[in-house]
C-alpha atoms as a PDB file:
ATOM      1  CA  UNK A   1     239.308  89.119  47.348  1.00  0.00           C
ATOM      2  CA  UNK A   2     235.646  89.417  47.353  1.00  0.00           C
ATOM      3  CA  UNK A   3     235.708  85.749  45.907  1.00  0.00           C
ATOM      4  CA  UNK A   4     237.374  84.101  49.155  1.00  0.00           C
ATOM      5  CA  UNK A   5     235.724  86.029  51.484  1.00  0.00           C
ATOM      6  CA  UNK A   6     232.122  84.737  49.990  1.00  0.00           C
ATOM      7  CA  UNK A   7     233.584  81.280  50.165  1.00  0.00           C
ATOM      8  CA  UNK A   8     234.927  81.348  53.229  1.00  0.00           C
ATOM      9  CA  UNK A   9     231.204  82.626  54.800  1.00  0.00           C
ATOM     10  CA  UNK A  10     229.715  79.767  53.379  1.00  0.00           C
ATOM     11  CA  UNK A  11     232.190  77.461  54.935  1.00  0.00           C
ATOM     12  CA  UNK A  12     231.589  78.929  57.921  1.00  0.00           C
ATOM     13  CA  UNK A  13     227.654  79.205  57.640  1.00  0.00           C
ATOM     14  CA  UNK A  14     227.651  75.608  56.941  1.00  0.00           C
ATOM     15  CA  UNK A  15     229.681  74.785  60.163  1.00  0.00           C
ATOM     16  CA  UNK A  16     227.519  77.181  62.425  1.00  0.00           C
ATOM     17  CA  UNK A  17     224.219  75.546  61.174  1.00  0.00           C
ATOM     18  CA  UNK A  18     225.348  72.086  61.677  1.00  0.00           C
ATOM     19  CA  UNK A  19     226.799  72.990  65.052  1.00  0.00           C
ATOM     20  CA  UNK A  20     223.858  74.709  66.173  1.00  0.00           C
ATOM     21  CA  UNK A  21     220.836  72.829  65.260  1.00  0.00           C
ATOM     22  CA  UNK A  22     221.399  70.468  68.096  1.00  0.00           C
ATOM     23  CA  UNK A  23     221.801  73.329  70.253  1.00  0.00           C
ATOM     24  CA  UNK A  24     218.999  75.043  69.412  1.00  0.00           C
ATOM     25  CA  UNK A  25     216.724  72.401  70.206  1.00  0.00           C
ATOM     26  CA  UNK A  26     218.137  71.748  73.096  1.00  0.00           C
ATOM     27  CA  UNK A  27     217.355  75.696  74.275  1.00  0.00           C
ATOM     28  CA  UNK A  28     214.167  75.265  73.197  1.00  0.00           C
ATOM     29  CA  UNK A  29     213.336  71.790  75.480  1.00  0.00           C
ATOM     30  CA  UNK A  30     214.938  73.599  78.319  1.00  0.00           C
ATOM     31  CA  UNK A  31     213.189  76.880  78.137  1.00  0.00           C
ATOM     32  CA  UNK A  32     210.065  74.712  77.817  1.00  0.00           C
ATOM     33  CA  UNK A  33     210.642  72.853  81.130  1.00  0.00           C
ATOM     34  CA  UNK A  34     211.586  76.263  82.814  1.00  0.00           C
ATOM     35  CA  UNK A  35     208.355  77.847  81.721  1.00  0.00           C
ATOM     36  CA  UNK A  36     206.428  74.526  83.164  1.00  0.00           C
ATOM     37  CA  UNK A  37     208.443  75.026  86.491  1.00  0.00           C
ATOM     38  CA  UNK A  38     210.827  72.105  85.719  1.00  0.00           C
ATOM     39  CA  UNK A  39     214.429  71.800  85.852  1.00  0.00           C
ATOM     40  CA  UNK A  40     214.740  70.365  82.358  1.00  0.00           C
ATOM     41  CA  UNK A  41     217.665  68.820  80.399  1.00  0.00           C
ATOM     42  CA  UNK A  42     220.646  70.428  79.508  1.00  0.00           C
ATOM     43  CA  UNK A  43     220.831  72.475  76.431  1.00  0.00           C
ATOM     44  CA  UNK A  44     223.263  70.413  74.583  1.00  0.00           C
ATOM     45  CA  UNK A  45     221.636  67.240  75.714  1.00  0.00           C
ATOM     46  CA  UNK A  46     220.775  66.521  72.258  1.00  0.00           C
ATOM     47  CA  UNK A  47     224.065  66.626  71.131  1.00  0.00           C
ATOM     48  CA  UNK A  48     224.727  64.071  73.659  1.00  0.00           C
ATOM     49  CA  UNK A  49     222.177  61.985  72.186  1.00  0.00           C
ATOM     50  CA  UNK A  50     223.125  61.848  68.807  1.00  0.00           C
ATOM     51  CA  UNK A  51     226.808  60.863  69.381  1.00  0.00           C
ATOM     52  CA  UNK A  52     225.554  58.031  71.547  1.00  0.00           C
ATOM     53  CA  UNK A  53     222.830  56.781  68.975  1.00  0.00           C
ATOM     54  CA  UNK A  54     225.651  57.035  66.282  1.00  0.00           C
ATOM     55  CA  UNK A  55     227.832  54.589  68.005  1.00  0.00           C
ATOM     56  CA  UNK A  56     224.803  52.387  67.909  1.00  0.00           C
ATOM     57  CA  UNK A  57     224.546  49.799  65.046  1.00  0.00           C
ATOM     58  CA  UNK A  58     220.704  49.934  63.506  1.00  0.00           C
ATOM     59  CA  UNK A  59     218.456  47.262  63.812  1.00  0.00           C
ATOM     60  CA  UNK A  60     216.540  47.010  60.506  1.00  0.00           C
ATOM     61  CA  UNK A  61     213.218  44.575  60.384  1.00  0.00           C
ATOM     62  CA  UNK A  62     213.530  41.503  58.009  1.00  0.00           C
ATOM     63  CA  UNK A  63     211.473  42.682  55.287  1.00  0.00           C
ATOM     64  CA  UNK A  64     212.551  46.301  55.129  1.00  0.00           C
ATOM     65  CA  UNK A  65     214.256  47.405  51.919  1.00  0.00           C
ATOM     66  CA  UNK A  66     216.828  49.656  50.159  1.00  0.00           C
ATOM     67  CA  UNK A  67     214.304  52.450  50.914  1.00  0.00           C
ATOM     68  CA  UNK A  68     214.808  52.062  54.731  1.00  0.00           C
ATOM     69  CA  UNK A  69     218.381  52.267  54.198  1.00  0.00           C
ATOM     70  CA  UNK A  70     218.619  55.355  52.374  1.00  0.00           C
ATOM     71  CA  UNK A  71     215.947  57.451  53.416  1.00  0.00           C
ATOM     72  CA  UNK A  72     217.429  58.646  56.579  1.00  0.00           C
ATOM     73  CA  UNK A  73     220.532  59.813  54.643  1.00  0.00           C
ATOM     74  CA  UNK A  74     218.605  61.254  51.701  1.00  0.00           C
ATOM     75  CA  UNK A  75     216.402  63.206  54.383  1.00  0.00           C
ATOM     76  CA  UNK A  76     219.763  64.612  56.225  1.00  0.00           C
ATOM     77  CA  UNK A  77     221.303  65.373  52.975  1.00  0.00           C
ATOM     78  CA  UNK A  78     218.157  67.390  51.864  1.00  0.00           C
ATOM     79  CA  UNK A  79     218.349  69.440  55.191  1.00  0.00           C
ATOM     80  CA  UNK A  80     221.727  69.935  54.848  1.00  0.00           C
ATOM     81  CA  UNK A  81     221.386  71.514  51.297  1.00  0.00           C
ATOM     82  CA  UNK A  82     218.042  73.641  52.092  1.00  0.00           C
ATOM     83  CA  UNK A  83     220.458  74.975  55.552  1.00  0.00           C
ATOM     84  CA  UNK A  84     223.411  75.654  53.427  1.00  0.00           C
ATOM     85  CA  UNK A  85     221.167  78.173  51.039  1.00  0.00           C
ATOM     86  CA  UNK A  86     219.459  80.028  54.058  1.00  0.00           C
ATOM     87  CA  UNK A  87     221.488  82.738  54.449  1.00  0.00           C
ATOM     88  CA  UNK A  88     222.105  83.585  58.212  1.00  0.00           C
ATOM     89  CA  UNK A  89     224.902  86.160  59.373  1.00  0.00           C
ATOM     90  CA  UNK A  90     225.919  87.216  56.135  1.00  0.00           C
ATOM     91  CA  UNK A  91     224.505  87.797  52.588  1.00  0.00           C
ATOM     92  CA  UNK A  92     226.713  87.411  49.002  1.00  0.00           C
ATOM     93  CA  UNK A  93     227.675  83.759  50.461  1.00  0.00           C
ATOM     94  CA  UNK A  94     228.995  81.545  47.695  1.00  0.00           C
ATOM     95  CA  UNK A  95     225.785  79.757  47.571  1.00  0.00           C
ATOM     96  CA  UNK A  96     223.900  83.040  47.733  1.00  0.00           C
ATOM     97  CA  UNK A  97     223.047  82.624  43.683  1.00  0.00           C
ATOM     98  CA  UNK A  98     221.280  79.064  44.367  1.00  0.00           C
ATOM     99  CA  UNK A  99     219.270  80.380  47.133  1.00  0.00           C
ATOM    100  CA  UNK A 100     215.924  80.115  45.645  1.00  0.00           C
ATOM    101  CA  UNK A 101     212.901  80.166  48.226  1.00  0.00           C
ATOM    102  CA  UNK A 102     211.527  77.379  45.696  1.00  0.00           C
ATOM    103  CA  UNK A 103     214.500  75.188  45.440  1.00  0.00           C
ATOM    104  CA  UNK A 104     214.726  75.408  49.338  1.00  0.00           C
ATOM    105  CA  UNK A 105     210.987  74.180  49.341  1.00  0.00           C
ATOM    106  CA  UNK A 106     211.487  71.425  47.277  1.00  0.00           C
ATOM    107  CA  UNK A 107     214.516  70.431  49.114  1.00  0.00           C
ATOM    108  CA  UNK A 108     212.287  70.305  52.343  1.00  0.00           C
ATOM    109  CA  UNK A 109     209.684  68.394  50.563  1.00  0.00           C
ATOM    110  CA  UNK A 110     212.308  65.705  49.627  1.00  0.00           C
ATOM    111  CA  UNK A 111     212.922  65.295  53.161  1.00  0.00           C
ATOM    112  CA  UNK A 112     209.315  64.535  53.908  1.00  0.00           C
ATOM    113  CA  UNK A 113     208.793  62.140  50.913  1.00  0.00           C
ATOM    114  CA  UNK A 114     211.762  60.113  52.173  1.00  0.00           C
ATOM    115  CA  UNK A 115     210.323  60.302  55.925  1.00  0.00           C
ATOM    116  CA  UNK A 116     207.058  59.074  54.370  1.00  0.00           C
ATOM    117  CA  UNK A 117     208.774  55.980  52.231  1.00  0.00           C
ATOM    118  CA  UNK A 118     210.476  54.988  55.138  1.00  0.00           C
ATOM    119  CA  UNK A 119     207.368  54.701  57.074  1.00  0.00           C
ATOM    120  CA  UNK A 120     205.704  52.720  54.587  1.00  0.00           C
ATOM    121  CA  UNK A 121     208.373  50.443  53.610  1.00  0.00           C
ATOM    122  CA  UNK A 122     208.311  48.035  56.550  1.00  0.00           C
ATOM    123  CA  UNK A 123     204.499  47.786  56.214  1.00  0.00           C
ATOM    124  CA  UNK A 124     203.416  48.583  59.960  1.00  0.00           C
ATOM    125  CA  UNK A 125     200.048  50.454  60.742  1.00  0.00           C
ATOM    126  CA  UNK A 126     201.456  53.336  62.607  1.00  0.00           C
ATOM    127  CA  UNK A 127     204.044  54.125  59.634  1.00  0.00           C
ATOM    128  CA  UNK A 128     201.408  53.823  57.531  1.00  0.00           C
ATOM    129  CA  UNK A 129     199.303  56.008  59.736  1.00  0.00           C
ATOM    130  CA  UNK A 130     201.866  59.066  60.263  1.00  0.00           C
ATOM    131  CA  UNK A 131     202.671  58.928  56.355  1.00  0.00           C
ATOM    132  CA  UNK A 132     199.308  59.150  55.260  1.00  0.00           C
ATOM    133  CA  UNK A 133     198.763  62.093  57.546  1.00  0.00           C
ATOM    134  CA  UNK A 134     201.994  63.399  56.304  1.00  0.00           C
ATOM    135  CA  UNK A 135     201.047  63.931  53.011  1.00  0.00           C
ATOM    136  CA  UNK A 136     197.833  65.304  53.861  1.00  0.00           C
ATOM    137  CA  UNK A 137     199.516  67.897  55.769  1.00  0.00           C
ATOM    138  CA  UNK A 138     201.592  68.631  52.889  1.00  0.00           C
ATOM    139  CA  UNK A 139     198.799  69.004  50.654  1.00  0.00           C
ATOM    140  CA  UNK A 140     198.003  72.192  52.445  1.00  0.00           C
ATOM    141  CA  UNK A 141     201.289  73.232  53.529  1.00  0.00           C
ATOM    142  CA  UNK A 142     203.331  73.149  50.541  1.00  0.00           C
ATOM    143  CA  UNK A 143     200.703  75.484  48.523  1.00  0.00           C
ATOM    144  CA  UNK A 144     200.712  77.769  51.612  1.00  0.00           C
ATOM    145  CA  UNK A 145     204.591  77.899  51.445  1.00  0.00           C
ATOM    146  CA  UNK A 146     204.812  78.710  47.651  1.00  0.00           C
ATOM    147  CA  UNK A 147     201.675  81.416  48.034  1.00  0.00           C
ATOM    148  CA  UNK A 148     203.998  83.323  50.649  1.00  0.00           C
ATOM    149  CA  UNK A 149     207.094  83.175  48.625  1.00  0.00           C
ATOM    150  CA  UNK A 150     204.829  84.392  45.434  1.00  0.00           C
ATOM    151  CA  UNK A 151     204.316  87.239  47.753  1.00  0.00           C
ATOM    152  CA  UNK A 152     207.691  88.144  48.482  1.00  0.00           C
ATOM    153  CA  UNK A 153     208.684  87.471  45.366  1.00  0.00           C
ATOM    154  CA  UNK A 154     206.162  90.295  43.734  1.00  0.00           C
ATOM    155  CA  UNK A 155     207.717  92.481  46.194  1.00  0.00           C
ATOM    156  CA  UNK A 156     211.394  91.793  45.724  1.00  0.00           C
ATOM    157  CA  UNK A 157     211.080  90.901  42.389  1.00  0.00           C
ATOM    158  CA  UNK A 158     212.961  87.888  42.832  1.00  0.00           C
ATOM    159  CA  UNK A 159     212.765  84.479  44.825  1.00  0.00           C
ATOM    160  CA  UNK A 160     216.032  84.415  45.734  1.00  0.00           C
ATOM    161  CA  UNK A 161     216.670  84.518  49.633  1.00  0.00           C
ATOM    162  CA  UNK A 162     219.837  86.347  49.813  1.00  0.00           C
ATOM    163  CA  UNK A 163     218.154  89.255  47.224  1.00  0.00           C
ATOM    164  CA  UNK A 164     214.950  89.414  49.410  1.00  0.00           C
ATOM    165  CA  UNK A 165     216.758  89.756  52.642  1.00  0.00           C
ATOM    166  CA  UNK A 166     218.671  92.751  51.196  1.00  0.00           C
ATOM    167  CA  UNK A 167     215.407  94.025  49.985  1.00  0.00           C
ATOM    168  CA  UNK A 168     214.361  93.977  53.331  1.00  0.00           C
ATOM    169  CA  UNK A 169     217.519  95.267  55.008  1.00  0.00           C
ATOM    170  CA  UNK A 170     217.395  98.598  52.933  1.00  0.00           C
ATOM    171  CA  UNK A 171     213.582  99.267  53.978  1.00  0.00           C
ATOM    172  CA  UNK A 172     212.471  99.693  50.579  1.00  0.00           C
ATOM    173  CA  UNK A 173     209.722  97.674  50.712  1.00  0.00           C
ATOM    174  CA  UNK A 174     208.111  99.025  54.162  1.00  0.00           C
ATOM    175  CA  UNK A 175     205.159  97.624  56.005  1.00  0.00           C
ATOM    176  CA  UNK A 176     202.377  95.897  54.079  1.00  0.00           C
ATOM    177  CA  UNK A 177     199.283  94.054  54.750  1.00  0.00           C
ATOM    178  CA  UNK A 178     200.217  91.467  52.404  1.00  0.00           C
ATOM    179  CA  UNK A 179     203.798  91.373  54.240  1.00  0.00           C
ATOM    180  CA  UNK A 180     201.812  90.411  57.309  1.00  0.00           C
ATOM    181  CA  UNK A 181     199.651  87.663  56.051  1.00  0.00           C
ATOM    182  CA  UNK A 182     202.713  86.266  54.258  1.00  0.00           C
ATOM    183  CA  UNK A 183     203.978  86.250  57.803  1.00  0.00           C
ATOM    184  CA  UNK A 184     201.418  84.266  59.246  1.00  0.00           C
ATOM    185  CA  UNK A 185     201.156  81.878  56.723  1.00  0.00           C
ATOM    186  CA  UNK A 186     204.711  81.113  56.907  1.00  0.00           C
ATOM    187  CA  UNK A 187     204.571  80.868  60.863  1.00  0.00           C
ATOM    188  CA  UNK A 188     201.521  78.117  60.176  1.00  0.00           C
ATOM    189  CA  UNK A 189     203.659  76.052  57.695  1.00  0.00           C
ATOM    190  CA  UNK A 190     206.880  76.151  60.034  1.00  0.00           C
ATOM    191  CA  UNK A 191     204.916  74.687  62.950  1.00  0.00           C
ATOM    192  CA  UNK A 192     203.448  72.018  60.458  1.00  0.00           C
ATOM    193  CA  UNK A 193     206.853  71.087  59.094  1.00  0.00           C
ATOM    194  CA  UNK A 194     208.838  70.953  62.058  1.00  0.00           C
ATOM    195  CA  UNK A 195     205.929  69.041  64.227  1.00  0.00           C
ATOM    196  CA  UNK A 196     205.266  71.156  66.690  1.00  0.00           C
ATOM    197  CA  UNK A 197     202.595  72.079  68.809  1.00  0.00           C
ATOM    198  CA  UNK A 198     199.509  72.682  67.957  1.00  0.00           C
ATOM    199  CA  UNK A 199     199.863  70.401  64.666  1.00  0.00           C
ATOM    200  CA  UNK A 200     201.641  67.713  66.561  1.00  0.00           C
ATOM    201  CA  UNK A 201     203.679  66.821  69.585  1.00  0.00           C
ATOM    202  CA  UNK A 202     207.347  66.201  69.612  1.00  0.00           C
ATOM    203  CA  UNK A 203     207.540  64.755  72.846  1.00  0.00           C
ATOM    204  CA  UNK A 204     204.824  62.385  72.864  1.00  0.00           C
ATOM    205  CA  UNK A 205     204.115  58.589  71.612  1.00  0.00           C
ATOM    206  CA  UNK A 206     200.767  58.337  71.903  1.00  0.00           C
ATOM    207  CA  UNK A 207     199.340  56.540  68.730  1.00  0.00           C
ATOM    208  CA  UNK A 208     196.441  58.342  67.977  1.00  0.00           C
ATOM    209  CA  UNK A 209     197.904  61.634  67.859  1.00  0.00           C
ATOM    210  CA  UNK A 210     201.562  60.687  66.250  1.00  0.00           C
ATOM    211  CA  UNK A 211     202.266  61.837  63.259  1.00  0.00           C
ATOM    212  CA  UNK A 212     206.146  62.341  62.726  1.00  0.00           C
ATOM    213  CA  UNK A 213     206.746  59.923  65.126  1.00  0.00           C
ATOM    214  CA  UNK A 214     204.649  57.097  63.881  1.00  0.00           C
ATOM    215  CA  UNK A 215     207.274  56.978  60.604  1.00  0.00           C
ATOM    216  CA  UNK A 216     210.437  56.681  62.831  1.00  0.00           C
ATOM    217  CA  UNK A 217     209.231  54.069  65.056  1.00  0.00           C
ATOM    218  CA  UNK A 218     211.371  51.413  63.491  1.00  0.00           C
ATOM    219  CA  UNK A 219     214.772  53.348  63.623  1.00  0.00           C
ATOM    220  CA  UNK A 220     217.020  52.684  65.934  1.00  0.00           C
ATOM    221  CA  UNK A 221     221.234  53.593  66.312  1.00  0.00           C
ATOM    222  CA  UNK A 222     222.331  55.674  63.965  1.00  0.00           C
ATOM    223  CA  UNK A 223     219.477  55.722  61.334  1.00  0.00           C
ATOM    224  CA  UNK A 224     217.565  57.180  64.742  1.00  0.00           C
ATOM    225  CA  UNK A 225     220.470  59.534  65.094  1.00  0.00           C
ATOM    226  CA  UNK A 226     220.132  60.598  60.928  1.00  0.00           C
ATOM    227  CA  UNK A 227     216.359  61.365  61.440  1.00  0.00           C
ATOM    228  CA  UNK A 228     216.458  63.415  64.560  1.00  0.00           C
ATOM    229  CA  UNK A 229     219.528  65.444  63.282  1.00  0.00           C
ATOM    230  CA  UNK A 230     217.189  65.995  60.085  1.00  0.00           C
ATOM    231  CA  UNK A 231     214.516  67.263  62.418  1.00  0.00           C
ATOM    232  CA  UNK A 232     216.629  69.685  64.386  1.00  0.00           C
ATOM    233  CA  UNK A 233     218.496  71.095  60.902  1.00  0.00           C
ATOM    234  CA  UNK A 234     214.805  71.619  59.550  1.00  0.00           C
ATOM    235  CA  UNK A 235     213.735  73.589  62.883  1.00  0.00           C
ATOM    236  CA  UNK A 236     216.912  76.112  62.206  1.00  0.00           C
ATOM    237  CA  UNK A 237     216.387  76.421  58.770  1.00  0.00           C
ATOM    238  CA  UNK A 238     212.532  77.492  59.098  1.00  0.00           C
ATOM    239  CA  UNK A 239     213.823  79.909  62.431  1.00  0.00           C
ATOM    240  CA  UNK A 240     216.722  81.159  60.011  1.00  0.00           C
ATOM    241  CA  UNK A 241     214.562  81.740  57.353  1.00  0.00           C
ATOM    242  CA  UNK A 242     211.963  83.747  59.368  1.00  0.00           C
ATOM    243  CA  UNK A 243     215.117  85.655  60.341  1.00  0.00           C
ATOM    244  CA  UNK A 244     216.516  86.392  57.353  1.00  0.00           C
ATOM    245  CA  UNK A 245     213.305  87.617  55.512  1.00  0.00           C
ATOM    246  CA  UNK A 246     211.559  89.233  58.569  1.00  0.00           C
ATOM    247  CA  UNK A 247     214.375  90.315  60.918  1.00  0.00           C
ATOM    248  CA  UNK A 248     217.352  90.716  58.206  1.00  0.00           C
ATOM    249  CA  UNK A 249     219.148  93.512  60.544  1.00  0.00           C
ATOM    250  CA  UNK A 250     222.659  93.307  61.571  1.00  0.00           C
ATOM    251  CA  UNK A 251     223.238  90.803  58.386  1.00  0.00           C
ATOM    252  CA  UNK A 252     226.806  91.473  57.062  1.00  0.00           C
ATOM    253  CA  UNK A 253     226.723  92.678  53.409  1.00  0.00           C
ATOM    254  CA  UNK A 254     227.830  91.113  50.371  1.00  0.00           C
ATOM    255  CA  UNK A 255     231.514  90.937  49.911  1.00  0.00           C
ATOM    256  CA  UNK A 256     232.077  92.263  53.242  1.00  0.00           C
ATOM    257  CA  UNK A 257     235.245  91.333  55.718  1.00  0.00           C
ATOM    258  CA  UNK A 258     235.565  88.944  58.405  1.00  0.00           C
ATOM    259  CA  UNK A 259     235.569  91.654  60.778  1.00  0.00           C
ATOM    260  CA  UNK A 260     231.744  92.481  59.941  1.00  0.00           C
ATOM    261  CA  UNK A 261     230.889  88.982  60.141  1.00  0.00           C
ATOM    262  CA  UNK A 262     231.435  89.219  64.147  1.00  0.00           C
ATOM    263  CA  UNK A 263     228.403  91.676  64.333  1.00  0.00           C
ATOM    264  CA  UNK A 264     226.372  89.473  62.198  1.00  0.00           C
ATOM    265  CA  UNK A 265     226.980  86.370  64.121  1.00  0.00           C
ATOM    266  CA  UNK A 266     225.935  88.459  67.232  1.00  0.00           C
ATOM    267  CA  UNK A 267     223.025  89.440  65.636  1.00  0.00           C
ATOM    268  CA  UNK A 268     221.990  85.935  64.120  1.00  0.00           C
ATOM    269  CA  UNK A 269     222.385  84.500  67.728  1.00  0.00           C
ATOM    270  CA  UNK A 270     220.287  86.941  69.366  1.00  0.00           C
ATOM    271  CA  UNK A 271     217.395  86.382  66.486  1.00  0.00           C
ATOM    272  CA  UNK A 272     218.070  82.906  66.710  1.00  0.00           C
ATOM    273  CA  UNK A 273     217.379  83.088  70.826  1.00  0.00           C
ATOM    274  CA  UNK A 274     214.241  85.065  70.699  1.00  0.00           C
ATOM    275  CA  UNK A 275     212.950  83.025  68.090  1.00  0.00           C
ATOM    276  CA  UNK A 276     213.444  80.096  70.442  1.00  0.00           C
ATOM    277  CA  UNK A 277     212.099  81.932  73.550  1.00  0.00           C
ATOM    278  CA  UNK A 278     208.777  82.754  71.404  1.00  0.00           C
ATOM    279  CA  UNK A 279     208.717  79.330  69.928  1.00  0.00           C
ATOM    280  CA  UNK A 280     209.032  77.613  73.674  1.00  0.00           C
ATOM    281  CA  UNK A 281     206.635  80.475  75.182  1.00  0.00           C
ATOM    282  CA  UNK A 282     204.230  79.498  72.593  1.00  0.00           C
ATOM    283  CA  UNK A 283     204.087  75.757  73.042  1.00  0.00           C
ATOM    284  CA  UNK A 284     203.850  76.331  76.545  1.00  0.00           C
ATOM    285  CA  UNK A 285     200.785  78.642  76.472  1.00  0.00           C
ATOM    286  CA  UNK A 286     198.598  76.008  74.207  1.00  0.00           C
ATOM    287  CA  UNK A 287     197.289  72.563  73.560  1.00  0.00           C
ATOM    288  CA  UNK A 288     197.674  70.611  70.998  1.00  0.00           C
ATOM    289  CA  UNK A 289     194.472  70.500  68.259  1.00  0.00           C
ATOM    290  CA  UNK A 290     192.698  67.520  67.120  1.00  0.00           C
ATOM    291  CA  UNK A 291     194.224  65.690  64.245  1.00  0.00           C
ATOM    292  CA  UNK A 292     191.197  66.128  62.245  1.00  0.00           C
ATOM    293  CA  UNK A 293     191.536  70.138  62.856  1.00  0.00           C
ATOM    294  CA  UNK A 294     194.975  70.349  61.487  1.00  0.00           C
ATOM    295  CA  UNK A 295     193.787  70.951  57.648  1.00  0.00           C
ATOM    296  CA  UNK A 296     191.595  73.591  58.886  1.00  0.00           C
ATOM    297  CA  UNK A 297     194.266  75.206  60.816  1.00  0.00           C
ATOM    298  CA  UNK A 298     196.708  74.712  57.205  1.00  0.00           C
ATOM    299  CA  UNK A 299     193.777  75.679  55.372  1.00  0.00           C
ATOM    300  CA  UNK A 300     193.439  79.112  56.978  1.00  0.00           C
ATOM    301  CA  UNK A 301     197.295  79.350  56.420  1.00  0.00           C
ATOM    302  CA  UNK A 302     196.894  78.949  52.518  1.00  0.00           C
ATOM    303  CA  UNK A 303     193.703  81.367  52.376  1.00  0.00           C
ATOM    304  CA  UNK A 304     195.478  84.296  54.478  1.00  0.00           C
ATOM    305  CA  UNK A 305     198.621  83.621  52.155  1.00  0.00           C
ATOM    306  CA  UNK A 306     196.500  83.872  48.841  1.00  0.00           C
ATOM    307  CA  UNK A 307     194.665  86.698  50.128  1.00  0.00           C
ATOM    308  CA  UNK A 308     197.954  88.191  50.899  1.00  0.00           C
ATOM    309  CA  UNK A 309     199.070  87.385  47.227  1.00  0.00           C
ATOM    310  CA  UNK A 310     196.009  88.981  45.514  1.00  0.00           C
ATOM    311  CA  UNK A 311     196.016  92.070  47.654  1.00  0.00           C
ATOM    312  CA  UNK A 312     199.740  92.702  46.649  1.00  0.00           C
ATOM    313  CA  UNK A 313     198.786  92.251  42.686  1.00  0.00           C
ATOM    314  CA  UNK A 314     195.774  94.116  42.776  1.00  0.00           C
ATOM    315  CA  UNK A 315     197.627  97.141  44.527  1.00  0.00           C
ATOM    316  CA  UNK A 316     200.552  96.640  42.276  1.00  0.00           C
ATOM    317  CA  UNK A 317     198.643  96.493  39.341  1.00  0.00           C
ATOM    318  CA  UNK A 318     196.316  99.686  40.137  1.00  0.00           C
ATOM    319  CA  UNK A 319     199.925 101.889  41.424  1.00  0.00           C
END
């Protein structure tokens, strides 16, 4: 029976993240608008936009290759696969043995590479500009993510996200300086990975500051819907990752019956709403930094993550 519950919880998890991704993005936009004194679009507006764009045939440049045609599907596939591995309302789901931190990071990198190749494929100046900026930022963001994962792996004894969430939920790890440094590093990487303020502004099309938007300027119709949906899935994935690792309270234990899933779903919804509110407040309170300051921002995140891993390693060896 435990196998059946694990399969059912995995299917419910996948359906949940697929449906909640546009609503999360719409909720963040609505909250930001309200904090700025505007009415704002309805939280389900991103879902309406996706449905509208999916009905339209994409217009592809004459010199576009198969890369431009396949890249949106590859990006969405990588985002869906990564989101399916991050635990939400319950632990011990069917894909829990595959829920590895490094694997999730690799899937995120695959989606980033697909977007960069799509930006370079047509040969437009803006596409090449956005792709070069994205890859230069990734050269610092990915090591910071790996170092933060190393800190969590030293504490939990594994890079499996399900096991890390279980270790945090049991309270055996306690409060540590290394965890705080890893959290700050992950927050900085999450901001950069999702092209959020202060690294990038998802609501602007100013040529001098674009990163993410510059790579998909040539996309339209169904392809644009796929790119937007991949970005929405990444935002949900990162918030769910932070909630699973640092806020694991309320998760149903492995092999639990469906009646405990209700508690897990409610807890997960409250955590996501709180994180969305925090993100909206953070973006409303600060301004976008200059593009040339972003490497310093990510470099500081890398140093903080490395410092946390070194401190933890030294303290573990001395103990």
